[in-house]
N, C-alpha and C. Protein backbone atom coordinates (compact mmCIF):
# COMPACT_ATOMS: atom_id res chain seq x y z
N UNK A 1 157.05 53.65 64.15
CA UNK A 1 157.71 53.75 62.97
C UNK A 1 157.51 52.60 62.20
N UNK A 2 157.63 52.60 60.88
CA UNK A 2 157.71 51.41 60.01
C UNK A 2 158.78 51.55 59.04
N UNK A 3 159.81 50.60 59.10
CA UNK A 3 160.87 50.73 58.39
C UNK A 3 160.60 50.27 56.96
N UNK A 4 161.06 50.58 55.95
CA UNK A 4 160.75 50.24 54.67
C UNK A 4 162.02 50.52 53.86
N UNK A 5 162.68 49.57 53.24
CA UNK A 5 164.00 49.70 52.60
C UNK A 5 164.97 50.55 53.55
N UNK A 6 165.70 51.56 52.98
CA UNK A 6 166.66 52.06 53.82
C UNK A 6 166.05 53.41 54.53
N UNK A 7 164.88 53.68 54.33
CA UNK A 7 164.24 54.63 54.97
C UNK A 7 163.13 54.40 56.11
N UNK A 8 162.95 55.19 57.03
CA UNK A 8 162.09 54.94 58.09
C UNK A 8 160.98 56.05 57.88
N UNK A 9 159.73 55.59 58.00
CA UNK A 9 158.58 56.53 57.80
C UNK A 9 157.83 56.54 59.18
N UNK A 10 157.15 57.46 59.40
CA UNK A 10 156.29 57.74 60.57
C UNK A 10 154.85 57.82 60.04
N UNK A 11 154.25 56.67 59.79
CA UNK A 11 152.76 56.73 59.09
C UNK A 11 151.77 57.24 60.14
N UNK A 12 150.66 57.79 59.57
CA UNK A 12 149.59 58.32 60.43
C UNK A 12 148.97 57.30 61.41
N UNK A 13 148.90 56.15 60.74
CA UNK A 13 148.40 54.91 61.65
C UNK A 13 148.92 53.81 61.04
N UNK A 14 149.43 52.72 62.10
CA UNK A 14 149.70 51.53 61.66
C UNK A 14 149.47 50.43 62.57
N UNK A 15 149.14 49.16 62.14
CA UNK A 15 148.61 48.08 63.01
C UNK A 15 149.60 47.05 62.88
N UNK A 16 150.13 46.52 63.81
CA UNK A 16 151.26 45.42 63.71
C UNK A 16 151.00 44.38 64.68
N UNK A 17 151.70 43.20 64.49
CA UNK A 17 151.65 42.00 65.43
C UNK A 17 152.99 42.26 66.16
N UNK A 18 153.09 42.24 67.44
CA UNK A 18 154.17 42.37 68.29
C UNK A 18 154.93 43.49 68.09
N UNK A 19 156.28 43.63 68.44
CA UNK A 19 157.03 44.78 68.06
C UNK A 19 158.57 44.38 68.24
N UNK A 20 159.33 45.08 67.69
CA UNK A 20 160.85 44.86 67.85
C UNK A 20 161.47 46.46 68.12
N UNK A 21 162.83 46.31 68.69
CA UNK A 21 163.28 47.55 69.03
C UNK A 21 164.47 47.81 68.32
N UNK A 22 164.66 49.08 67.86
CA UNK A 22 165.72 49.33 67.07
C UNK A 22 166.14 50.69 67.52
N UNK A 23 167.35 50.99 68.12
CA UNK A 23 167.83 52.23 68.40
C UNK A 23 167.05 52.80 69.79
N UNK A 24 166.55 51.93 70.42
CA UNK A 24 165.65 52.39 71.56
C UNK A 24 164.30 52.78 71.25
N UNK A 25 163.94 52.70 70.05
CA UNK A 25 162.54 53.15 69.65
C UNK A 25 161.81 51.95 69.02
N UNK A 26 160.43 51.82 69.03
CA UNK A 26 159.54 50.78 68.52
C UNK A 26 159.55 50.91 67.10
N UNK A 27 159.72 49.83 66.39
CA UNK A 27 159.96 49.80 64.90
C UNK A 27 159.04 48.74 64.48
N UNK A 28 157.98 48.98 63.71
CA UNK A 28 156.89 47.95 63.24
C UNK A 28 157.32 47.40 62.08
N UNK A 29 158.23 46.27 62.09
CA UNK A 29 158.72 45.76 60.97
C UNK A 29 157.56 44.60 60.48
N UNK A 30 156.69 44.39 61.49
CA UNK A 30 155.74 43.39 61.13
C UNK A 30 154.31 44.10 60.88
N UNK A 31 154.39 45.34 60.44
CA UNK A 31 152.93 45.92 60.25
C UNK A 31 152.13 45.19 59.09
N UNK A 32 150.88 45.15 59.66
CA UNK A 32 149.99 44.42 58.74
C UNK A 32 149.09 45.54 57.93
N UNK A 33 148.84 46.92 58.55
CA UNK A 33 148.11 47.84 57.81
C UNK A 33 148.92 49.11 58.18
N UNK A 34 149.00 50.00 57.13
CA UNK A 34 149.69 51.14 57.24
C UNK A 34 148.50 52.34 56.55
N UNK A 35 148.32 53.36 57.34
CA UNK A 35 147.40 54.34 56.88
C UNK A 35 148.10 55.63 56.89
N UNK A 36 148.10 56.44 55.65
CA UNK A 36 148.62 57.60 55.41
C UNK A 36 147.39 58.58 55.09
N UNK A 37 147.35 59.84 55.79
CA UNK A 37 146.35 60.80 55.39
C UNK A 37 147.18 61.86 54.50
N UNK A 38 146.63 62.06 53.04
CA UNK A 38 147.27 62.91 52.37
C UNK A 38 147.15 64.34 52.80
N UNK A 39 148.28 65.05 52.55
CA UNK A 39 148.29 66.52 52.49
C UNK A 39 148.86 66.91 51.31
N UNK A 40 148.74 68.13 50.97
CA UNK A 40 149.11 68.72 49.55
C UNK A 40 150.57 68.48 49.54
N UNK A 41 151.39 68.71 50.71
CA UNK A 41 152.90 68.44 50.66
C UNK A 41 153.49 67.05 50.56
N UNK A 42 152.58 66.07 50.96
CA UNK A 42 153.07 64.68 51.07
C UNK A 42 152.33 63.81 50.07
N UNK A 43 151.32 64.25 49.37
CA UNK A 43 150.50 63.34 48.32
C UNK A 43 151.37 62.47 47.53
N UNK A 44 152.30 63.20 46.85
CA UNK A 44 153.17 62.45 45.86
C UNK A 44 154.04 61.49 46.48
N UNK A 45 154.62 61.69 47.69
CA UNK A 45 155.53 60.83 48.33
C UNK A 45 154.71 59.50 48.94
N UNK A 46 153.55 59.84 49.34
CA UNK A 46 152.56 58.70 49.89
C UNK A 46 152.25 57.79 48.74
N UNK A 47 151.85 58.34 47.73
CA UNK A 47 151.54 57.52 46.51
C UNK A 47 152.67 56.79 45.78
N UNK A 48 153.77 57.20 45.83
CA UNK A 48 154.96 56.61 45.16
C UNK A 48 155.95 56.03 45.96
N UNK A 49 156.71 56.84 46.64
CA UNK A 49 157.97 56.44 47.36
C UNK A 49 157.33 55.43 48.53
N UNK A 50 156.62 56.13 49.27
CA UNK A 50 155.95 55.13 50.42
C UNK A 50 155.28 53.94 49.96
N UNK A 51 154.33 54.02 48.93
CA UNK A 51 153.74 52.83 48.32
C UNK A 51 154.71 51.81 48.14
N UNK A 52 155.75 52.07 47.37
CA UNK A 52 156.81 51.09 46.89
C UNK A 52 157.55 50.46 48.13
N UNK A 53 157.79 51.41 49.02
CA UNK A 53 158.57 50.86 50.30
C UNK A 53 157.76 50.08 51.13
N UNK A 54 156.54 50.47 51.29
CA UNK A 54 155.64 49.68 52.31
C UNK A 54 155.35 48.44 51.66
N UNK A 55 155.30 48.18 50.35
CA UNK A 55 154.86 46.89 49.81
C UNK A 55 155.99 45.96 49.88
N UNK A 56 157.09 46.34 50.20
CA UNK A 56 158.21 45.39 50.55
C UNK A 56 158.14 44.90 51.83
N UNK A 57 157.50 45.41 52.74
CA UNK A 57 157.29 44.82 54.18
C UNK A 57 156.63 43.54 53.94
N UNK A 58 157.22 42.37 54.36
CA UNK A 58 156.66 41.06 54.04
C UNK A 58 155.24 40.90 54.69
N UNK A 59 154.92 41.46 55.84
CA UNK A 59 153.67 41.07 56.67
C UNK A 59 152.50 42.14 56.22
N UNK A 60 152.87 43.05 55.33
CA UNK A 60 152.00 44.08 55.20
C UNK A 60 150.76 43.53 54.31
N UNK A 61 149.53 43.72 54.74
CA UNK A 61 148.30 43.24 53.96
C UNK A 61 147.63 44.32 53.39
N UNK A 62 147.67 45.65 53.90
CA UNK A 62 146.99 46.78 53.24
C UNK A 62 147.63 48.07 53.55
N UNK A 63 147.39 48.89 52.80
CA UNK A 63 147.99 50.50 52.63
C UNK A 63 146.92 51.15 52.17
N UNK A 64 146.39 52.10 53.16
CA UNK A 64 145.35 53.01 52.93
C UNK A 64 146.02 54.52 52.77
N UNK A 65 145.52 55.07 51.51
CA UNK A 65 145.92 56.38 51.35
C UNK A 65 144.53 57.26 51.40
N UNK A 66 144.30 58.08 52.46
CA UNK A 66 143.14 58.69 52.82
C UNK A 66 143.18 60.12 52.52
N UNK A 67 142.30 60.54 51.74
CA UNK A 67 142.08 62.09 51.21
C UNK A 67 141.63 62.76 52.41
N UNK A 68 141.97 64.12 52.46
CA UNK A 68 141.50 65.09 53.45
C UNK A 68 140.44 66.00 52.92
N UNK A 69 140.46 65.86 51.73
CA UNK A 69 139.59 66.85 50.78
C UNK A 69 138.22 66.36 50.15
N UNK A 70 138.25 64.99 50.16
CA UNK A 70 136.90 64.30 49.83
C UNK A 70 136.91 62.99 50.41
N UNK A 71 135.56 62.37 50.26
CA UNK A 71 135.51 61.16 50.75
C UNK A 71 136.07 60.07 49.89
N UNK A 72 137.38 59.78 50.09
CA UNK A 72 138.17 58.87 49.10
C UNK A 72 139.31 58.11 49.78
N UNK A 73 139.24 56.83 49.70
CA UNK A 73 140.44 56.07 50.26
C UNK A 73 140.98 55.08 49.27
N UNK A 74 142.31 55.25 49.03
CA UNK A 74 142.76 54.38 47.84
C UNK A 74 143.33 53.22 48.79
N UNK A 75 142.88 52.04 48.53
CA UNK A 75 143.30 50.67 49.23
C UNK A 75 144.22 50.06 48.21
N UNK A 76 145.42 49.73 48.87
CA UNK A 76 146.33 48.85 48.15
C UNK A 76 146.43 47.67 49.03
N UNK A 77 146.06 46.55 48.46
CA UNK A 77 145.95 45.28 49.36
C UNK A 77 146.78 44.06 48.79
N UNK A 78 147.29 43.06 49.50
CA UNK A 78 147.72 42.17 49.06
C UNK A 78 147.05 40.93 49.04
N UNK A 79 146.87 40.19 47.99
CA UNK A 79 145.98 38.95 47.97
C UNK A 79 146.65 37.94 48.60
N UNK A 80 146.19 36.59 48.63
CA UNK A 80 146.61 35.44 49.25
C UNK A 80 147.95 34.96 48.57
N UNK A 81 148.08 35.24 47.41
CA UNK A 81 149.15 34.83 46.47
C UNK A 81 150.27 35.90 46.52
N UNK A 82 150.15 36.89 47.21
CA UNK A 82 151.09 37.94 47.47
C UNK A 82 151.20 39.12 46.57
N UNK A 83 150.00 38.99 45.59
CA UNK A 83 149.98 40.14 44.40
C UNK A 83 149.25 41.31 45.02
N UNK A 84 149.93 42.51 44.65
CA UNK A 84 149.13 43.63 45.10
C UNK A 84 148.06 44.24 44.02
N UNK A 85 146.94 44.60 44.59
CA UNK A 85 145.89 45.25 43.86
C UNK A 85 145.61 46.54 44.43
N UNK A 86 144.91 47.59 43.49
CA UNK A 86 144.54 48.82 44.03
C UNK A 86 143.10 49.02 43.68
N UNK A 87 142.53 49.62 44.57
CA UNK A 87 141.00 50.09 44.36
C UNK A 87 140.75 51.34 45.13
N UNK A 88 139.93 52.08 44.58
CA UNK A 88 139.59 53.37 45.33
C UNK A 88 138.08 53.45 45.66
N UNK A 89 137.78 53.79 47.09
CA UNK A 89 136.51 53.89 47.51
C UNK A 89 136.17 55.23 47.72
N UNK A 90 134.76 55.68 47.41
CA UNK A 90 134.38 56.96 47.47
C UNK A 90 133.19 57.10 48.42
N UNK A 91 132.77 58.42 48.49
CA UNK A 91 131.30 58.64 49.17
C UNK A 91 130.40 57.59 48.75
N UNK A 92 129.61 56.99 49.75
CA UNK A 92 128.49 56.26 49.52
C UNK A 92 128.96 54.70 49.56
N UNK A 93 130.30 54.51 49.62
CA UNK A 93 130.74 53.18 49.59
C UNK A 93 131.26 52.71 50.75
N UNK A 94 131.56 51.53 50.94
CA UNK A 94 132.18 50.91 52.17
C UNK A 94 133.41 50.37 52.00
N UNK A 95 134.37 50.59 52.82
CA UNK A 95 135.80 50.00 52.73
C UNK A 95 135.81 48.70 53.34
N UNK A 96 136.28 47.56 52.55
CA UNK A 96 136.38 46.35 53.15
C UNK A 96 137.51 46.02 54.18
N UNK A 97 137.26 45.31 55.14
CA UNK A 97 138.43 45.07 56.16
C UNK A 97 138.63 43.47 55.92
N UNK A 98 139.21 43.14 54.83
CA UNK A 98 139.49 41.78 54.48
C UNK A 98 140.28 41.06 55.69
N UNK A 99 140.13 39.98 56.06
CA UNK A 99 141.04 39.19 56.86
C UNK A 99 140.96 39.59 58.28
N UNK A 100 140.09 40.65 58.75
CA UNK A 100 139.93 41.03 60.18
C UNK A 100 138.72 40.49 60.86
N UNK A 101 137.65 39.75 60.14
CA UNK A 101 136.51 39.19 60.74
C UNK A 101 135.66 40.47 60.86
N UNK A 102 136.03 41.66 60.50
CA UNK A 102 134.94 42.90 60.73
C UNK A 102 134.22 43.21 59.48
N UNK A 103 133.21 43.83 59.56
CA UNK A 103 132.31 44.21 58.54
C UNK A 103 132.91 45.25 57.85
N UNK A 104 132.55 45.44 56.44
CA UNK A 104 133.15 46.74 55.90
C UNK A 104 132.66 48.00 56.57
N UNK A 105 133.53 48.99 56.37
CA UNK A 105 133.11 50.31 57.10
C UNK A 105 132.62 51.42 56.08
N UNK A 106 131.43 51.86 56.26
CA UNK A 106 131.12 52.92 55.31
C UNK A 106 131.94 54.10 55.61
N UNK A 107 132.44 54.67 54.30
CA UNK A 107 133.21 55.87 54.33
C UNK A 107 132.57 57.00 55.10
N UNK A 108 131.44 57.18 55.06
CA UNK A 108 130.78 58.18 55.85
C UNK A 108 130.97 58.15 57.22
N UNK A 109 131.17 56.95 57.74
CA UNK A 109 131.51 56.89 59.33
C UNK A 109 132.88 57.10 59.43
N UNK A 110 133.95 56.80 58.47
CA UNK A 110 135.19 57.37 58.82
C UNK A 110 135.39 58.70 58.86
N UNK A 111 134.69 59.49 57.84
CA UNK A 111 134.68 60.85 57.87
C UNK A 111 133.75 61.66 58.66
N UNK A 112 133.02 60.92 59.52
CA UNK A 112 132.09 61.66 60.32
C UNK A 112 132.89 62.56 61.49
N UNK A 113 132.28 63.65 61.57
CA UNK A 113 132.76 64.80 62.40
C UNK A 113 133.93 65.62 61.70
N UNK A 114 134.12 65.42 60.40
CA UNK A 114 135.07 66.13 59.55
C UNK A 114 134.18 67.27 58.61
N UNK A 115 134.92 68.08 58.14
CA UNK A 115 134.03 69.12 57.10
C UNK A 115 134.06 68.39 55.67
N UNK A 116 134.48 67.18 55.41
CA UNK A 116 134.51 66.52 54.21
C UNK A 116 133.25 66.04 53.98
N UNK A 117 132.49 66.25 52.84
CA UNK A 117 131.29 65.84 52.54
C UNK A 117 131.26 64.56 51.81
């Protein structure tokens, strides 16, 4: 779970440092990456409500919004000065993994094994 403002969200994937416990459940207040996979019913919430809420997490470095219908990932990332920027990556491009020491990942690799061309 990743708490953000007064709401608690259950992202599809999140990466965090350490953990804390609230009400007997693990809560990632120190999430560094949150990934949401879009669906028709959640797309607007993921792009608006959750985006604003997740950006309030002090340690969050990146928020990925992943399409199920096309090779497209919207990357919202915080720079060294704390400013947020948004970029979209599509088929044929690679998603940067800034600050991880890892090489950028081609979207085709992330979508391998799916029906998304």
